[in-house]
Amino acid sequence: MRVFPRFELFFLAFYTSLIVLVGVLVFFMTGSGETLILAALLLAFYLALALGKPLRRRRAARAQLPGEWREFLQAQSPFYRGLEDKGRAGFERDVRLFLAETRIAGTGGAPVSWQSRLLVAAGAAIMLHGRPDQEPPLRDGVTVYPGRAFDRNYRAGQGNIAGQAPAGGPLLVAEKSLHEGFADGHDGTNVIIHELAHYFDHEARKGGLKIVGASGVEMDWREAIAGEYRTHDFAASALDPYAAQNEAEFFACASEVFFERPGHLAAIHPGLFSLLVEFYGQDPRTTIMKGDR
């Protein structure tokens, strides 16, 4: 994540220039000094609104993670432990930016523990580590349910749904399952990575992402993941059986294994692994291995 996303800087510069240009043109057309005053007031009003988010992100980027938070990440995340100093600083910055920008709340707006908030942010930071220009696709935030699961009627403590990524609305995750996903960093199961992967997949499909497949030929992301899904040997798969449901679940399950058991995935499904390296812009094998030393 960037402190100032490029697309936001573009619109800030564009609208600032537009207001100034229109004000100057109207002044030369009318000769009225009041025009310049009105343009200046409009520009000040716009900048007061537009600069709120960049300044908030700048403060978050400059802040420091509390020592307790670092210790928690050290204990919970092999990925974080395996990062060099520069990578770790970037990871921590992404965590701070994520928390500054993303609403994370319990059901009914209840507060969520800092540990749970930190794990949600860590999941996003892991997946964005190789994609510095990408923003987390969570415009509606995250809702954390108490317990290990909820049911289809969204009743906490019932059913077997650990997480959900609805097309419209916040990402849903059960708190105990969230923590269990990090408790064993090598079991290939992490619910926040799974659900975030759905949003990344959706964004890639909607945006018509082009990606270089194992053959070295550029293709549409939709075609690339569909091809891997069609040819995947589910009888001898390193993925959870749930991956066979459809292409979206296939990618989400593959992302879990990619970030938790990358060496295993690369050995058994090299084509799929290469595709995920291209998609996420990173190879987590060396990071995970370093984190386990």
C-alpha atoms as a PDB file:
ATOM      1  CA  MET A   1       0.000   0.000   0.000  1.00  0.00           C
ATOM      2  CA  ARG A   2       1.165   3.515  -0.738  1.00  0.00           C
ATOM      3  CA  VAL A   3       0.722   6.378   1.695  1.00  0.00           C
ATOM      4  CA  PHE A   4      -0.798   8.379  -1.169  1.00  0.00           C
ATOM      5  CA  PRO A   5      -2.373   6.064  -3.774  1.00  0.00           C
ATOM      6  CA  ARG A   6      -1.491   7.257  -7.245  1.00  0.00           C
ATOM      7  CA  PHE A   7      -5.063   7.387  -8.503  1.00  0.00           C
ATOM      8  CA  GLU A   8      -6.061   9.613  -5.564  1.00  0.00           C
ATOM      9  CA  LEU A   9      -3.119  11.941  -6.179  1.00  0.00           C
ATOM     10  CA  PHE A  10      -4.186  12.176  -9.812  1.00  0.00           C
ATOM     11  CA  PHE A  11      -7.734  13.234  -8.943  1.00  0.00           C
ATOM     12  CA  LEU A  12      -6.479  15.655  -6.287  1.00  0.00           C
ATOM     13  CA  ALA A  13      -4.186  17.345  -8.804  1.00  0.00           C
ATOM     14  CA  PHE A  14      -6.854  17.249 -11.533  1.00  0.00           C
ATOM     15  CA  TYR A  15      -9.648  18.897  -9.524  1.00  0.00           C
ATOM     16  CA  THR A  16      -7.287  21.427  -7.950  1.00  0.00           C
ATOM     17  CA  SER A  17      -6.073  22.456 -11.408  1.00  0.00           C
ATOM     18  CA  LEU A  18      -9.623  22.521 -12.746  1.00  0.00           C
ATOM     19  CA  ILE A  19     -10.858  24.869 -10.022  1.00  0.00           C
ATOM     20  CA  VAL A  20      -7.907  27.214 -10.526  1.00  0.00           C
ATOM     21  CA  LEU A  21      -8.266  27.143 -14.324  1.00  0.00           C
ATOM     22  CA  VAL A  22     -12.002  27.828 -14.287  1.00  0.00           C
ATOM     23  CA  GLY A  23     -11.542  30.632 -11.777  1.00  0.00           C
ATOM     24  CA  VAL A  24      -8.848  32.299 -13.888  1.00  0.00           C
ATOM     25  CA  LEU A  25     -10.851  31.920 -17.127  1.00  0.00           C
ATOM     26  CA  VAL A  26     -13.989  33.395 -15.592  1.00  0.00           C
ATOM     27  CA  PHE A  27     -11.911  36.256 -14.168  1.00  0.00           C
ATOM     28  CA  PHE A  28     -10.488  37.121 -17.585  1.00  0.00           C
ATOM     29  CA  MET A  29     -13.952  36.875 -19.136  1.00  0.00           C
ATOM     30  CA  THR A  30     -15.684  39.031 -16.539  1.00  0.00           C
ATOM     31  CA  GLY A  31     -12.892  41.080 -15.003  1.00  0.00           C
ATOM     32  CA  SER A  32     -14.538  40.595 -11.631  1.00  0.00           C
ATOM     33  CA  GLY A  33     -12.232  40.248  -8.641  1.00  0.00           C
ATOM     34  CA  GLU A  34     -15.052  38.493  -6.799  1.00  0.00           C
ATOM     35  CA  THR A  35     -14.555  35.551  -9.150  1.00  0.00           C
ATOM     36  CA  LEU A  36     -11.063  34.992  -7.871  1.00  0.00           C
ATOM     37  CA  ILE A  37     -12.275  35.215  -4.268  1.00  0.00           C
ATOM     38  CA  LEU A  38     -15.010  32.671  -4.930  1.00  0.00           C
ATOM     39  CA  ALA A  39     -12.542  30.359  -6.710  1.00  0.00           C
ATOM     40  CA  ALA A  40     -10.127  30.632  -3.794  1.00  0.00           C
ATOM     41  CA  LEU A  41     -12.893  29.811  -1.308  1.00  0.00           C
ATOM     42  CA  LEU A  42     -14.040  26.870  -3.407  1.00  0.00           C
ATOM     43  CA  LEU A  43     -10.457  25.612  -3.679  1.00  0.00           C
ATOM     44  CA  ALA A  44      -9.946  25.926   0.085  1.00  0.00           C
ATOM     45  CA  PHE A  45     -13.191  24.039   0.725  1.00  0.00           C
ATOM     46  CA  TYR A  46     -12.259  21.284  -1.704  1.00  0.00           C
ATOM     47  CA  LEU A  47      -8.759  20.875  -0.280  1.00  0.00           C
ATOM     48  CA  ALA A  48     -10.119  20.754   3.273  1.00  0.00           C
ATOM     49  CA  LEU A  49     -12.254  17.792   2.235  1.00  0.00           C
ATOM     50  CA  ALA A  50      -9.821  16.086  -0.135  1.00  0.00           C
ATOM     51  CA  LEU A  51      -6.738  16.279   2.080  1.00  0.00           C
ATOM     52  CA  GLY A  52      -8.388  14.663   5.084  1.00  0.00           C
ATOM     53  CA  LYS A  53      -7.682  11.126   3.935  1.00  0.00           C
ATOM     54  CA  PRO A  54      -4.086  11.702   2.728  1.00  0.00           C
ATOM     55  CA  LEU A  55      -3.182  13.450   5.986  1.00  0.00           C
ATOM     56  CA  ARG A  56      -4.762  10.634   7.996  1.00  0.00           C
ATOM     57  CA  ARG A  57      -2.781   8.074   6.021  1.00  0.00           C
ATOM     58  CA  ARG A  58       0.414  10.076   6.456  1.00  0.00           C
ATOM     59  CA  ARG A  59      -0.042  10.135  10.227  1.00  0.00           C
ATOM     60  CA  ALA A  60      -0.699   6.394  10.228  1.00  0.00           C
ATOM     61  CA  ALA A  61       2.383   5.718   8.088  1.00  0.00           C
ATOM     62  CA  ARG A  62       4.612   7.719  10.435  1.00  0.00           C
ATOM     63  CA  ALA A  63       3.307   6.105  13.602  1.00  0.00           C
ATOM     64  CA  GLN A  64       4.970   3.132  15.269  1.00  0.00           C
ATOM     65  CA  LEU A  65       3.412  -0.208  16.095  1.00  0.00           C
ATOM     66  CA  PRO A  66       3.200  -0.725  19.855  1.00  0.00           C
ATOM     67  CA  GLY A  67       5.803  -3.178  21.123  1.00  0.00           C
ATOM     68  CA  GLU A  68       3.038  -5.502  22.270  1.00  0.00           C
ATOM     69  CA  TRP A  69       1.695  -5.622  18.738  1.00  0.00           C
ATOM     70  CA  ARG A  70       5.120  -6.510  17.323  1.00  0.00           C
ATOM     71  CA  GLU A  71       5.508  -9.309  19.845  1.00  0.00           C
ATOM     72  CA  PHE A  72       2.078 -10.626  18.903  1.00  0.00           C
ATOM     73  CA  LEU A  73       2.947 -10.616  15.187  1.00  0.00           C
ATOM     74  CA  GLN A  74       6.254 -12.330  15.935  1.00  0.00           C
ATOM     75  CA  ALA A  75       4.421 -15.097  17.735  1.00  0.00           C
ATOM     76  CA  GLN A  76       1.566 -15.479  15.262  1.00  0.00           C
ATOM     77  CA  SER A  77       2.990 -14.917  11.788  1.00  0.00           C
ATOM     78  CA  PRO A  78       5.898 -16.859  10.205  1.00  0.00           C
ATOM     79  CA  PHE A  79       5.578 -14.479   7.247  1.00  0.00           C
ATOM     80  CA  TYR A  80       6.265 -11.445   9.447  1.00  0.00           C
ATOM     81  CA  ARG A  81       9.097 -13.193  11.278  1.00  0.00           C
ATOM     82  CA  GLY A  82      10.806 -14.026   7.999  1.00  0.00           C
ATOM     83  CA  LEU A  83      10.915 -10.487   6.647  1.00  0.00           C
ATOM     84  CA  GLU A  84      14.121  -8.448   6.504  1.00  0.00           C
ATOM     85  CA  ASP A  85      14.148  -5.048   8.215  1.00  0.00           C
ATOM     86  CA  LYS A  86      12.992  -3.158   5.119  1.00  0.00           C
ATOM     87  CA  GLY A  87      10.239  -5.656   4.370  1.00  0.00           C
ATOM     88  CA  ARG A  88       9.114  -5.656   7.979  1.00  0.00           C
ATOM     89  CA  ALA A  89       8.914  -1.860   8.010  1.00  0.00           C
ATOM     90  CA  GLY A  90       6.732  -2.004   4.882  1.00  0.00           C
ATOM     91  CA  PHE A  91       4.561  -4.706   6.413  1.00  0.00           C
ATOM     92  CA  GLU A  92       4.036  -2.662   9.573  1.00  0.00           C
ATOM     93  CA  ARG A  93       3.218   0.425   7.498  1.00  0.00           C
ATOM     94  CA  ASP A  94       0.607  -1.565   5.566  1.00  0.00           C
ATOM     95  CA  VAL A  95      -0.902  -2.753   8.841  1.00  0.00           C
ATOM     96  CA  ARG A  96      -1.160   0.816  10.117  1.00  0.00           C
ATOM     97  CA  LEU A  97      -2.631   2.097   6.852  1.00  0.00           C
ATOM     98  CA  PHE A  98      -5.134  -0.749   6.767  1.00  0.00           C
ATOM     99  CA  LEU A  99      -6.289  -0.083  10.309  1.00  0.00           C
ATOM    100  CA  ALA A 100      -6.528   3.651   9.645  1.00  0.00           C
ATOM    101  CA  GLU A 101      -8.709   3.142   6.575  1.00  0.00           C
ATOM    102  CA  THR A 102     -10.747   0.007   7.227  1.00  0.00           C
ATOM    103  CA  ARG A 103     -13.694  -0.253   9.561  1.00  0.00           C
ATOM    104  CA  ILE A 104     -13.431  -3.402  11.692  1.00  0.00           C
ATOM    105  CA  ALA A 105     -16.314  -3.933  14.079  1.00  0.00           C
ATOM    106  CA  GLY A 106     -18.159  -6.692  15.853  1.00  0.00           C
ATOM    107  CA  THR A 107     -21.795  -7.547  15.279  1.00  0.00           C
ATOM    108  CA  GLY A 108     -24.030  -4.604  16.081  1.00  0.00           C
ATOM    109  CA  GLY A 109     -21.012  -2.312  15.928  1.00  0.00           C
ATOM    110  CA  ALA A 110     -19.419  -3.850  19.034  1.00  0.00           C
ATOM    111  CA  PRO A 111     -15.712  -3.135  19.602  1.00  0.00           C
ATOM    112  CA  VAL A 112     -13.176  -5.742  18.528  1.00  0.00           C
ATOM    113  CA  SER A 113     -10.008  -6.636  20.438  1.00  0.00           C
ATOM    114  CA  TRP A 114      -6.727  -5.212  19.156  1.00  0.00           C
ATOM    115  CA  GLN A 115      -5.470  -8.774  18.648  1.00  0.00           C
ATOM    116  CA  SER A 116      -8.313  -9.586  16.253  1.00  0.00           C
ATOM    117  CA  ARG A 117      -7.995  -6.251  14.457  1.00  0.00           C
ATOM    118  CA  LEU A 118      -4.266  -6.840  14.086  1.00  0.00           C
ATOM    119  CA  LEU A 119      -4.765 -10.317  12.604  1.00  0.00           C
ATOM    120  CA  VAL A 120      -7.243  -8.996  10.044  1.00  0.00           C
ATOM    121  CA  ALA A 121      -4.746  -6.296   9.073  1.00  0.00           C
ATOM    122  CA  ALA A 122      -1.886  -8.818   9.010  1.00  0.00           C
ATOM    123  CA  GLY A 123      -3.812 -10.985   6.542  1.00  0.00           C
ATOM    124  CA  ALA A 124      -4.190  -8.011   4.211  1.00  0.00           C
ATOM    125  CA  ALA A 125      -0.548  -6.976   4.663  1.00  0.00           C
ATOM    126  CA  ILE A 126       0.647 -10.477   3.775  1.00  0.00           C
ATOM    127  CA  MET A 127      -1.361 -10.561   0.569  1.00  0.00           C
ATOM    128  CA  LEU A 128      -0.452  -7.000  -0.452  1.00  0.00           C
ATOM    129  CA  HIS A 129       3.246  -7.305   0.318  1.00  0.00           C
ATOM    130  CA  GLY A 130       4.178  -7.847  -3.317  1.00  0.00           C
ATOM    131  CA  ARG A 131       1.599  -5.411  -4.685  1.00  0.00           C
ATOM    132  CA  PRO A 132       2.484  -1.936  -3.326  1.00  0.00           C
ATOM    133  CA  ASP A 133       0.108  -0.147  -5.711  1.00  0.00           C
ATOM    134  CA  GLN A 134      -2.879  -2.256  -4.679  1.00  0.00           C
ATOM    135  CA  GLU A 135      -5.429  -1.157  -2.093  1.00  0.00           C
ATOM    136  CA  PRO A 136      -7.356  -3.721  -0.036  1.00  0.00           C
ATOM    137  CA  PRO A 137     -10.733  -4.165  -1.779  1.00  0.00           C
ATOM    138  CA  LEU A 138     -12.757  -3.778   1.429  1.00  0.00           C
ATOM    139  CA  ARG A 139     -14.840  -0.659   0.939  1.00  0.00           C
ATOM    140  CA  ASP A 140     -17.447  -1.933   3.402  1.00  0.00           C
ATOM    141  CA  GLY A 141     -14.982  -3.025   6.052  1.00  0.00           C
ATOM    142  CA  VAL A 142     -14.943  -6.178   8.160  1.00  0.00           C
ATOM    143  CA  THR A 143     -17.485  -7.577  10.620  1.00  0.00           C
ATOM    144  CA  VAL A 144     -16.110  -9.944  13.256  1.00  0.00           C
ATOM    145  CA  TYR A 145     -18.545 -12.518  14.669  1.00  0.00           C
ATOM    146  CA  PRO A 146     -18.023 -13.977  18.130  1.00  0.00           C
ATOM    147  CA  GLY A 147     -17.207 -17.684  18.383  1.00  0.00           C
ATOM    148  CA  ARG A 148     -15.898 -20.102  15.791  1.00  0.00           C
ATOM    149  CA  ALA A 149     -18.680 -19.899  13.216  1.00  0.00           C
ATOM    150  CA  PHE A 150     -22.090 -18.532  12.236  1.00  0.00           C
ATOM    151  CA  ASP A 151     -24.943 -19.974  10.186  1.00  0.00           C
ATOM    152  CA  ARG A 152     -26.668 -18.885   6.982  1.00  0.00           C
ATOM    153  CA  ASN A 153     -28.978 -16.675   9.006  1.00  0.00           C
ATOM    154  CA  TYR A 154     -25.895 -14.985  10.502  1.00  0.00           C
ATOM    155  CA  ARG A 155     -26.481 -16.324  13.992  1.00  0.00           C
ATOM    156  CA  ALA A 156     -23.199 -16.412  15.895  1.00  0.00           C
ATOM    157  CA  GLY A 157     -22.156 -19.678  17.519  1.00  0.00           C
ATOM    158  CA  GLN A 158     -24.308 -21.743  15.158  1.00  0.00           C
ATOM    159  CA  GLY A 159     -23.647 -23.378  11.810  1.00  0.00           C
ATOM    160  CA  ASN A 160     -20.240 -23.958  10.288  1.00  0.00           C
ATOM    161  CA  ILE A 161     -19.449 -20.787   8.325  1.00  0.00           C
ATOM    162  CA  ALA A 162     -16.084 -19.393   9.442  1.00  0.00           C
ATOM    163  CA  GLY A 163     -16.065 -16.514   6.973  1.00  0.00           C
ATOM    164  CA  GLN A 164     -17.890 -15.015   4.045  1.00  0.00           C
ATOM    165  CA  ALA A 165     -17.124 -12.499   1.319  1.00  0.00           C
ATOM    166  CA  PRO A 166     -20.431 -11.094   0.060  1.00  0.00           C
ATOM    167  CA  ALA A 167     -20.341  -9.034  -3.117  1.00  0.00           C
ATOM    168  CA  GLY A 168     -22.097  -6.156  -1.388  1.00  0.00           C
ATOM    169  CA  GLY A 169     -21.280  -5.595   2.247  1.00  0.00           C
ATOM    170  CA  PRO A 170     -18.454  -6.168   4.702  1.00  0.00           C
ATOM    171  CA  LEU A 171     -16.211  -9.200   4.857  1.00  0.00           C
ATOM    172  CA  LEU A 172     -17.484 -11.526   7.602  1.00  0.00           C
ATOM    173  CA  VAL A 173     -15.203 -13.594   9.799  1.00  0.00           C
ATOM    174  CA  ALA A 174     -15.686 -15.620  12.993  1.00  0.00           C
ATOM    175  CA  GLU A 175     -13.220 -14.489  15.645  1.00  0.00           C
ATOM    176  CA  LYS A 176     -12.049 -17.873  16.934  1.00  0.00           C
ATOM    177  CA  SER A 177     -11.521 -19.146  13.404  1.00  0.00           C
ATOM    178  CA  LEU A 178      -9.559 -15.990  12.623  1.00  0.00           C
ATOM    179  CA  HIS A 179      -7.174 -16.704  15.501  1.00  0.00           C
ATOM    180  CA  GLU A 180      -6.966 -20.411  14.702  1.00  0.00           C
ATOM    181  CA  GLY A 181      -5.914 -19.533  11.161  1.00  0.00           C
ATOM    182  CA  PHE A 182      -2.748 -17.951  12.546  1.00  0.00           C
ATOM    183  CA  ALA A 183      -2.207 -20.373  15.439  1.00  0.00           C
ATOM    184  CA  ASP A 184      -0.836 -22.958  12.998  1.00  0.00           C
ATOM    185  CA  GLY A 185       0.892 -21.079  10.212  1.00  0.00           C
ATOM    186  CA  HIS A 186       1.594 -24.202   8.171  1.00  0.00           C
ATOM    187  CA  ASP A 187      -1.686 -26.103   7.980  1.00  0.00           C
ATOM    188  CA  GLY A 188      -2.776 -24.361   4.777  1.00  0.00           C
ATOM    189  CA  THR A 189      -5.900 -22.985   6.427  1.00  0.00           C
ATOM    190  CA  ASN A 190      -6.399 -19.294   7.135  1.00  0.00           C
ATOM    191  CA  VAL A 191      -9.896 -17.868   6.943  1.00  0.00           C
ATOM    192  CA  ILE A 192      -8.947 -14.206   6.533  1.00  0.00           C
ATOM    193  CA  ILE A 193      -6.644 -15.025   3.619  1.00  0.00           C
ATOM    194  CA  HIS A 194      -9.381 -17.197   2.093  1.00  0.00           C
ATOM    195  CA  GLU A 195     -12.034 -14.482   2.283  1.00  0.00           C
ATOM    196  CA  LEU A 196      -9.720 -11.683   1.188  1.00  0.00           C
ATOM    197  CA  ALA A 197      -8.746 -13.812  -1.814  1.00  0.00           C
ATOM    198  CA  HIS A 198     -12.371 -13.731  -2.961  1.00  0.00           C
ATOM    199  CA  TYR A 199     -12.278  -9.940  -3.044  1.00  0.00           C
ATOM    200  CA  PHE A 200      -8.955  -9.857  -4.886  1.00  0.00           C
ATOM    201  CA  ASP A 201     -10.322 -12.372  -7.405  1.00  0.00           C
ATOM    202  CA  HIS A 202     -13.463 -10.303  -7.893  1.00  0.00           C
ATOM    203  CA  GLU A 203     -11.438  -7.127  -8.447  1.00  0.00           C
ATOM    204  CA  ALA A 204      -9.176  -8.890 -10.951  1.00  0.00           C
ATOM    205  CA  ARG A 205     -12.155 -10.208 -12.912  1.00  0.00           C
ATOM    206  CA  LYS A 206     -14.005  -6.906 -12.852  1.00  0.00           C
ATOM    207  CA  GLY A 207     -10.902  -4.956 -13.887  1.00  0.00           C
ATOM    208  CA  GLY A 208      -9.955  -7.354 -16.686  1.00  0.00           C
ATOM    209  CA  LEU A 209      -6.530  -8.076 -15.195  1.00  0.00           C
ATOM    210  CA  LYS A 210      -3.975  -9.437 -17.660  1.00  0.00           C
ATOM    211  CA  ILE A 211      -1.479 -11.960 -16.343  1.00  0.00           C
ATOM    212  CA  VAL A 212       1.371 -14.038 -17.737  1.00  0.00           C
ATOM    213  CA  GLY A 213       0.592 -17.729 -17.371  1.00  0.00           C
ATOM    214  CA  ALA A 214       2.975 -20.672 -17.028  1.00  0.00           C
ATOM    215  CA  SER A 215       3.285 -20.793 -20.837  1.00  0.00           C
ATOM    216  CA  GLY A 216       4.681 -17.254 -20.852  1.00  0.00           C
ATOM    217  CA  VAL A 217       1.680 -15.948 -22.802  1.00  0.00           C
ATOM    218  CA  GLU A 218      -0.313 -13.010 -21.469  1.00  0.00           C
ATOM    219  CA  MET A 219      -3.948 -13.831 -20.870  1.00  0.00           C
ATOM    220  CA  ASP A 220      -6.998 -12.587 -19.061  1.00  0.00           C
ATOM    221  CA  TRP A 221      -7.030 -13.468 -15.352  1.00  0.00           C
ATOM    222  CA  ARG A 222     -10.413 -15.126 -15.725  1.00  0.00           C
ATOM    223  CA  GLU A 223      -9.046 -17.441 -18.418  1.00  0.00           C
ATOM    224  CA  ALA A 224      -5.856 -18.177 -16.485  1.00  0.00           C
ATOM    225  CA  ILE A 225      -7.558 -19.316 -13.291  1.00  0.00           C
ATOM    226  CA  ALA A 226     -10.244 -21.171 -15.264  1.00  0.00           C
ATOM    227  CA  GLY A 227      -7.530 -23.125 -17.073  1.00  0.00           C
ATOM    228  CA  GLU A 228      -5.834 -24.102 -13.816  1.00  0.00           C
ATOM    229  CA  TYR A 229      -9.177 -25.155 -12.372  1.00  0.00           C
ATOM    230  CA  ARG A 230     -10.041 -27.326 -15.380  1.00  0.00           C
ATOM    231  CA  THR A 231      -6.728 -29.173 -15.401  1.00  0.00           C
ATOM    232  CA  HIS A 232      -6.231 -29.475 -11.640  1.00  0.00           C
ATOM    233  CA  ASP A 233      -5.961 -33.037 -10.320  1.00  0.00           C
ATOM    234  CA  PHE A 234      -8.253 -32.859  -7.309  1.00  0.00           C
ATOM    235  CA  ALA A 235      -7.651 -36.531  -6.520  1.00  0.00           C
ATOM    236  CA  ALA A 236      -4.022 -35.732  -5.694  1.00  0.00           C
ATOM    237  CA  SER A 237      -4.468 -32.110  -4.681  1.00  0.00           C
ATOM    238  CA  ALA A 238      -2.609 -30.145  -2.012  1.00  0.00           C
ATOM    239  CA  LEU A 239      -5.751 -28.044  -1.607  1.00  0.00           C
ATOM    240  CA  ASP A 240      -8.728 -28.517   0.660  1.00  0.00           C
ATOM    241  CA  PRO A 241     -11.490 -30.556  -1.060  1.00  0.00           C
ATOM    242  CA  TYR A 242     -13.686 -27.457  -0.891  1.00  0.00           C
ATOM    243  CA  ALA A 243     -11.525 -26.041  -3.701  1.00  0.00           C
ATOM    244  CA  ALA A 244     -13.407 -28.271  -6.158  1.00  0.00           C
ATOM    245  CA  GLN A 245     -16.638 -26.281  -5.655  1.00  0.00           C
ATOM    246  CA  ASN A 246     -15.889 -23.664  -8.301  1.00  0.00           C
ATOM    247  CA  GLU A 247     -13.139 -21.403  -9.656  1.00  0.00           C
ATOM    248  CA  ALA A 248     -13.584 -18.801  -6.900  1.00  0.00           C
ATOM    249  CA  GLU A 249     -13.198 -21.343  -4.094  1.00  0.00           C
ATOM    250  CA  PHE A 250     -10.329 -22.956  -5.965  1.00  0.00           C
ATOM    251  CA  PHE A 251      -8.419 -19.673  -6.002  1.00  0.00           C
ATOM    252  CA  ALA A 252      -9.250 -18.878  -2.364  1.00  0.00           C
ATOM    253  CA  CYS A 253      -8.119 -22.304  -1.127  1.00  0.00           C
ATOM    254  CA  ALA A 254      -5.005 -22.122  -3.296  1.00  0.00           C
ATOM    255  CA  SER A 255      -4.176 -18.715  -1.785  1.00  0.00           C
ATOM    256  CA  GLU A 256      -4.318 -20.186   1.732  1.00  0.00           C
ATOM    257  CA  VAL A 257      -1.815 -22.898   0.833  1.00  0.00           C
ATOM    258  CA  PHE A 258       0.310 -20.448  -1.167  1.00  0.00           C
ATOM    259  CA  PHE A 259       0.895 -18.265   1.886  1.00  0.00           C
ATOM    260  CA  GLU A 260       1.113 -21.044   4.483  1.00  0.00           C
ATOM    261  CA  ARG A 261       2.676 -24.008   2.661  1.00  0.00           C
ATOM    262  CA  PRO A 262       4.314 -22.459  -0.403  1.00  0.00           C
ATOM    263  CA  GLY A 263       7.026 -25.085  -0.781  1.00  0.00           C
ATOM    264  CA  HIS A 264       4.447 -27.870  -0.711  1.00  0.00           C
ATOM    265  CA  LEU A 265       2.257 -26.131  -3.294  1.00  0.00           C
ATOM    266  CA  ALA A 266       5.219 -25.425  -5.577  1.00  0.00           C
ATOM    267  CA  ALA A 267       6.320 -29.066  -5.470  1.00  0.00           C
ATOM    268  CA  ILE A 268       2.911 -30.577  -6.210  1.00  0.00           C
ATOM    269  CA  HIS A 269       1.313 -27.932  -8.444  1.00  0.00           C
ATOM    270  CA  PRO A 270       4.128 -25.859 -10.007  1.00  0.00           C
ATOM    271  CA  GLY A 271       1.906 -24.286 -12.667  1.00  0.00           C
ATOM    272  CA  LEU A 272      -0.629 -23.072 -10.128  1.00  0.00           C
ATOM    273  CA  PHE A 273       2.149 -21.859  -7.861  1.00  0.00           C
ATOM    274  CA  SER A 274       3.735 -19.847 -10.682  1.00  0.00           C
ATOM    275  CA  LEU A 275       0.395 -18.257 -11.482  1.00  0.00           C
ATOM    276  CA  LEU A 276      -0.048 -17.179  -7.859  1.00  0.00           C
ATOM    277  CA  VAL A 277       3.505 -15.801  -7.741  1.00  0.00           C
ATOM    278  CA  GLU A 278       2.613 -13.670 -10.739  1.00  0.00           C
ATOM    279  CA  PHE A 279      -0.731 -12.616  -9.267  1.00  0.00           C
ATOM    280  CA  TYR A 280       0.541 -11.694  -5.799  1.00  0.00           C
ATOM    281  CA  GLY A 281       3.900 -10.367  -6.957  1.00  0.00           C
ATOM    282  CA  GLN A 282       5.885 -12.418  -4.459  1.00  0.00           C
ATOM    283  CA  ASP A 283       7.263 -15.854  -3.678  1.00  0.00           C
ATOM    284  CA  PRO A 284       6.579 -16.544   0.007  1.00  0.00           C
ATOM    285  CA  ARG A 285       8.839 -19.616   0.204  1.00  0.00           C
ATOM    286  CA  THR A 286      11.956 -17.811   1.415  1.00  0.00           C
ATOM    287  CA  THR A 287       9.965 -15.617   3.777  1.00  0.00           C
ATOM    288  CA  ILE A 288       8.196 -18.530   5.424  1.00  0.00           C
ATOM    289  CA  MET A 289      11.424 -20.560   5.638  1.00  0.00           C
ATOM    290  CA  LYS A 290      13.279 -17.679   7.283  1.00  0.00           C
ATOM    291  CA  GLY A 291      10.430 -17.160   9.705  1.00  0.00           C
ATOM    292  CA  ASP A 292      10.778 -20.749  10.933  1.00  0.00           C
ATOM    293  CA  ARG A 293      14.481 -20.605  11.733  1.00  0.00           C
END
